């Protein structure tokens, strides 16, 4: 089982969509607080549809709490600043994929402490600040699932 870890997500629709992705792929969802919304938020549940009730995400008070309790065996950090493309990573079952909040990405201190575990998705277009968080989660997760032949 893979793990998607959202560090301080701000947009409930993205978290709802990622929750739906997680249920559909038997992936655990982890939410690192503070969140930019309440988990009873209408938009979160709307984006997750009836999948949200089947999800039961794990909540963490902060990043330190997540590091102490998250069962992922290795963590990969999504960042446009990374040097390694997601297709160059050898994902293993049990890995965690960490995505930052939608407006700022992951904090510099987390990225600095994990330079060798940063992955990026190629964006050859003219405007490529970053992909939508839910889209990035899907791209990264499906590459990991493909590699371990999870279907």
C-alpha atoms as a PDB file:
ATOM      1  CA  UNK A   1       0.000   0.000   0.000  1.00  0.00           C
ATOM      2  CA  UNK A   2       1.187   3.472  -0.867  1.00  0.00           C
ATOM      3  CA  UNK A   3       0.675   6.600   1.226  1.00  0.00           C
ATOM      4  CA  UNK A   4      -0.257  10.097   0.061  1.00  0.00           C
ATOM      5  CA  UNK A   5       0.732  12.734   2.615  1.00  0.00           C
ATOM      6  CA  UNK A   6      -0.664  16.235   2.223  1.00  0.00           C
ATOM      7  CA  UNK A   7       1.309  18.839   4.136  1.00  0.00           C
ATOM      8  CA  UNK A   8      -1.049  21.603   5.263  1.00  0.00           C
ATOM      9  CA  UNK A   9      -3.469  21.451   2.316  1.00  0.00           C
ATOM     10  CA  UNK A  10      -5.543  24.596   1.776  1.00  0.00           C
ATOM     11  CA  UNK A  11      -8.165  23.745  -0.838  1.00  0.00           C
ATOM     12  CA  UNK A  12     -10.870  21.285   0.192  1.00  0.00           C
ATOM     13  CA  UNK A  13     -11.734  20.288  -3.374  1.00  0.00           C
ATOM     14  CA  UNK A  14      -8.169  19.056  -3.980  1.00  0.00           C
ATOM     15  CA  UNK A  15      -8.131  17.050  -0.763  1.00  0.00           C
ATOM     16  CA  UNK A  16     -11.533  15.588  -1.641  1.00  0.00           C
ATOM     17  CA  UNK A  17     -10.323  14.578  -5.100  1.00  0.00           C
ATOM     18  CA  UNK A  18      -7.160  13.053  -3.643  1.00  0.00           C
ATOM     19  CA  UNK A  19      -9.289  11.185  -1.111  1.00  0.00           C
ATOM     20  CA  UNK A  20     -11.293   9.706  -3.971  1.00  0.00           C
ATOM     21  CA  UNK A  21      -8.044   8.753  -5.705  1.00  0.00           C
ATOM     22  CA  UNK A  22      -6.823   7.053  -2.533  1.00  0.00           C
ATOM     23  CA  UNK A  23      -9.988   5.005  -2.070  1.00  0.00           C
ATOM     24  CA  UNK A  24      -9.885   3.965  -5.740  1.00  0.00           C
ATOM     25  CA  UNK A  25      -6.282   2.756  -5.486  1.00  0.00           C
ATOM     26  CA  UNK A  26      -6.192   1.329  -1.943  1.00  0.00           C
ATOM     27  CA  UNK A  27      -3.838   4.112  -0.869  1.00  0.00           C
ATOM     28  CA  UNK A  28      -3.715   5.617   2.624  1.00  0.00           C
ATOM     29  CA  UNK A  29      -4.262   9.368   2.976  1.00  0.00           C
ATOM     30  CA  UNK A  30      -2.423  11.356   5.649  1.00  0.00           C
ATOM     31  CA  UNK A  31      -3.222  14.993   6.486  1.00  0.00           C
ATOM     32  CA  UNK A  32      -0.658  17.183   8.243  1.00  0.00           C
ATOM     33  CA  UNK A  33      -2.243  20.086  10.132  1.00  0.00           C
ATOM     34  CA  UNK A  34      -2.994  22.893  10.127  1.00  0.00           C
ATOM     35  CA  UNK A  35      -5.501  22.442   7.308  1.00  0.00           C
ATOM     36  CA  UNK A  36      -6.932  25.376   5.396  1.00  0.00           C
ATOM     37  CA  UNK A  37     -10.468  24.018   5.862  1.00  0.00           C
ATOM     38  CA  UNK A  38     -12.621  21.938   8.160  1.00  0.00           C
ATOM     39  CA  UNK A  39     -12.893  18.266   7.220  1.00  0.00           C
ATOM     40  CA  UNK A  40     -16.663  18.568   7.394  1.00  0.00           C
ATOM     41  CA  UNK A  41     -16.411  21.225   4.662  1.00  0.00           C
ATOM     42  CA  UNK A  42     -19.080  20.938   1.967  1.00  0.00           C
ATOM     43  CA  UNK A  43     -16.533  21.279  -0.860  1.00  0.00           C
ATOM     44  CA  UNK A  44     -14.306  18.555   0.545  1.00  0.00           C
ATOM     45  CA  UNK A  45     -17.176  16.098   0.702  1.00  0.00           C
ATOM     46  CA  UNK A  46     -18.534  17.226  -2.673  1.00  0.00           C
ATOM     47  CA  UNK A  47     -15.203  16.575  -4.403  1.00  0.00           C
ATOM     48  CA  UNK A  48     -14.794  13.245  -2.627  1.00  0.00           C
ATOM     49  CA  UNK A  49     -18.418  12.262  -3.238  1.00  0.00           C
ATOM     50  CA  UNK A  50     -19.384   9.107  -1.390  1.00  0.00           C
ATOM     51  CA  UNK A  51     -15.756   7.965  -1.334  1.00  0.00           C
ATOM     52  CA  UNK A  52     -14.898  10.213   1.617  1.00  0.00           C
ATOM     53  CA  UNK A  53     -16.844   8.034   4.065  1.00  0.00           C
ATOM     54  CA  UNK A  54     -14.678   5.030   3.055  1.00  0.00           C
ATOM     55  CA  UNK A  55     -11.385   6.855   3.469  1.00  0.00           C
ATOM     56  CA  UNK A  56     -10.640   7.488   7.177  1.00  0.00           C
ATOM     57  CA  UNK A  57      -7.534   9.657   6.659  1.00  0.00           C
ATOM     58  CA  UNK A  58      -4.898   9.813   9.379  1.00  0.00           C
ATOM     59  CA  UNK A  59      -4.474  13.282  10.879  1.00  0.00           C
ATOM     60  CA  UNK A  60      -1.222  14.656  12.307  1.00  0.00           C
ATOM     61  CA  UNK A  61      -0.806  17.689  14.515  1.00  0.00           C
ATOM     62  CA  UNK A  62       2.278  18.817  12.581  1.00  0.00           C
ATOM     63  CA  UNK A  63       5.187  17.547  10.470  1.00  0.00           C
ATOM     64  CA  UNK A  64       7.093  16.206  13.491  1.00  0.00           C
ATOM     65  CA  UNK A  65       4.054  14.165  14.514  1.00  0.00           C
ATOM     66  CA  UNK A  66       3.756  12.824  10.964  1.00  0.00           C
ATOM     67  CA  UNK A  67       7.394  11.751  10.887  1.00  0.00           C
ATOM     68  CA  UNK A  68       6.968   9.971  14.216  1.00  0.00           C
ATOM     69  CA  UNK A  69       3.778   8.077  13.358  1.00  0.00           C
ATOM     70  CA  UNK A  70       3.402   7.692   9.588  1.00  0.00           C
ATOM     71  CA  UNK A  71       3.914   4.043   8.584  1.00  0.00           C
ATOM     72  CA  UNK A  72       5.389   4.815   5.133  1.00  0.00           C
ATOM     73  CA  UNK A  73       8.760   3.116   4.752  1.00  0.00           C
ATOM     74  CA  UNK A  74      10.301   5.820   2.531  1.00  0.00           C
ATOM     75  CA  UNK A  75       9.134   9.328   1.700  1.00  0.00           C
ATOM     76  CA  UNK A  76       9.306  11.044  -1.686  1.00  0.00           C
ATOM     77  CA  UNK A  77       8.767  14.812  -1.811  1.00  0.00           C
ATOM     78  CA  UNK A  78       6.995  16.405  -4.775  1.00  0.00           C
ATOM     79  CA  UNK A  79       8.679  19.628  -5.779  1.00  0.00           C
ATOM     80  CA  UNK A  80       9.264  21.665  -8.914  1.00  0.00           C
ATOM     81  CA  UNK A  81      12.726  22.293  -7.407  1.00  0.00           C
ATOM     82  CA  UNK A  82      13.725  18.629  -7.567  1.00  0.00           C
ATOM     83  CA  UNK A  83      16.292  17.294 -10.006  1.00  0.00           C
ATOM     84  CA  UNK A  84      14.829  13.802 -10.394  1.00  0.00           C
ATOM     85  CA  UNK A  85      11.824  13.100 -12.585  1.00  0.00           C
ATOM     86  CA  UNK A  86       9.118  10.912 -11.079  1.00  0.00           C
ATOM     87  CA  UNK A  87       9.786   8.277 -13.737  1.00  0.00           C
ATOM     88  CA  UNK A  88      13.423   7.990 -12.574  1.00  0.00           C
ATOM     89  CA  UNK A  89      12.448   6.982  -9.038  1.00  0.00           C
ATOM     90  CA  UNK A  90      12.286   3.291  -8.138  1.00  0.00           C
ATOM     91  CA  UNK A  91       9.098   3.328  -6.077  1.00  0.00           C
ATOM     92  CA  UNK A  92       8.450   0.463  -3.676  1.00  0.00           C
ATOM     93  CA  UNK A  93       5.255  -0.742  -2.091  1.00  0.00           C
ATOM     94  CA  UNK A  94       4.849   1.088   1.209  1.00  0.00           C
ATOM     95  CA  UNK A  95       6.404   4.359   0.011  1.00  0.00           C
ATOM     96  CA  UNK A  96       4.871   7.707   0.839  1.00  0.00           C
ATOM     97  CA  UNK A  97       4.437  10.628  -1.538  1.00  0.00           C
ATOM     98  CA  UNK A  98       4.442  14.024   0.186  1.00  0.00           C
ATOM     99  CA  UNK A  99       2.780  17.020  -1.455  1.00  0.00           C
ATOM    100  CA  UNK A 100       2.864  20.564  -0.107  1.00  0.00           C
ATOM    101  CA  UNK A 101       0.081  23.078   0.204  1.00  0.00           C
ATOM    102  CA  UNK A 102      -1.330  24.439  -3.025  1.00  0.00           C
ATOM    103  CA  UNK A 103      -0.042  28.013  -2.775  1.00  0.00           C
ATOM    104  CA  UNK A 104       3.470  27.477  -1.382  1.00  0.00           C
ATOM    105  CA  UNK A 105       4.465  23.860  -1.886  1.00  0.00           C
ATOM    106  CA  UNK A 106       6.565  22.177   0.756  1.00  0.00           C
ATOM    107  CA  UNK A 107       8.496  24.341   3.242  1.00  0.00           C
ATOM    108  CA  UNK A 108      12.154  24.985   2.420  1.00  0.00           C
ATOM    109  CA  UNK A 109      13.321  23.243   5.611  1.00  0.00           C
ATOM    110  CA  UNK A 110      11.564  20.001   4.622  1.00  0.00           C
ATOM    111  CA  UNK A 111      12.976  20.170   1.102  1.00  0.00           C
ATOM    112  CA  UNK A 112      16.489  20.988   2.360  1.00  0.00           C
ATOM    113  CA  UNK A 113      16.432  17.979   4.686  1.00  0.00           C
ATOM    114  CA  UNK A 114      15.345  15.698   1.835  1.00  0.00           C
ATOM    115  CA  UNK A 115      17.259  16.805  -1.252  1.00  0.00           C
ATOM    116  CA  UNK A 116      17.885  13.233  -2.399  1.00  0.00           C
ATOM    117  CA  UNK A 117      14.167  12.356  -2.188  1.00  0.00           C
ATOM    118  CA  UNK A 118      12.682  15.227  -4.205  1.00  0.00           C
ATOM    119  CA  UNK A 119      10.797  14.289  -7.357  1.00  0.00           C
ATOM    120  CA  UNK A 120       9.344  16.468 -10.047  1.00  0.00           C
ATOM    121  CA  UNK A 121       6.901  15.959 -12.865  1.00  0.00           C
ATOM    122  CA  UNK A 122       8.154  17.250 -16.222  1.00  0.00           C
ATOM    123  CA  UNK A 123       6.222  20.259 -17.512  1.00  0.00           C
ATOM    124  CA  UNK A 124       7.439  21.172 -20.993  1.00  0.00           C
ATOM    125  CA  UNK A 125       4.785  23.859 -21.575  1.00  0.00           C
ATOM    126  CA  UNK A 126       5.403  27.607 -21.469  1.00  0.00           C
ATOM    127  CA  UNK A 127       3.585  28.180 -18.169  1.00  0.00           C
ATOM    128  CA  UNK A 128       4.697  25.705 -15.572  1.00  0.00           C
ATOM    129  CA  UNK A 129       4.645  27.119 -12.097  1.00  0.00           C
ATOM    130  CA  UNK A 130       3.198  23.805 -10.896  1.00  0.00           C
ATOM    131  CA  UNK A 131       0.417  21.335 -11.529  1.00  0.00           C
ATOM    132  CA  UNK A 132      -2.771  21.232  -9.518  1.00  0.00           C
ATOM    133  CA  UNK A 133      -2.159  19.280  -6.296  1.00  0.00           C
ATOM    134  CA  UNK A 134      -4.740  16.588  -7.115  1.00  0.00           C
ATOM    135  CA  UNK A 135      -3.334  16.139 -10.622  1.00  0.00           C
ATOM    136  CA  UNK A 136       0.207  15.846  -9.296  1.00  0.00           C
ATOM    137  CA  UNK A 137      -0.894  13.283  -6.703  1.00  0.00           C
ATOM    138  CA  UNK A 138      -2.510  11.180  -9.435  1.00  0.00           C
ATOM    139  CA  UNK A 139       0.507  11.351 -11.762  1.00  0.00           C
ATOM    140  CA  UNK A 140       2.936  10.371  -9.000  1.00  0.00           C
ATOM    141  CA  UNK A 141       0.744   7.670  -7.497  1.00  0.00           C
ATOM    142  CA  UNK A 142      -0.051   5.988 -10.803  1.00  0.00           C
ATOM    143  CA  UNK A 143       3.637   5.876 -11.705  1.00  0.00           C
ATOM    144  CA  UNK A 144       4.340   4.221  -8.348  1.00  0.00           C
ATOM    145  CA  UNK A 145       1.480   1.751  -8.857  1.00  0.00           C
ATOM    146  CA  UNK A 146       2.661   0.990 -12.405  1.00  0.00           C
ATOM    147  CA  UNK A 147       6.142   0.203 -11.167  1.00  0.00           C
ATOM    148  CA  UNK A 148       4.970  -2.278  -8.546  1.00  0.00           C
ATOM    149  CA  UNK A 149       2.356  -3.693 -10.909  1.00  0.00           C
ATOM    150  CA  UNK A 150      -0.415  -3.075  -8.412  1.00  0.00           C
ATOM    151  CA  UNK A 151      -3.236  -4.304 -10.664  1.00  0.00           C
END
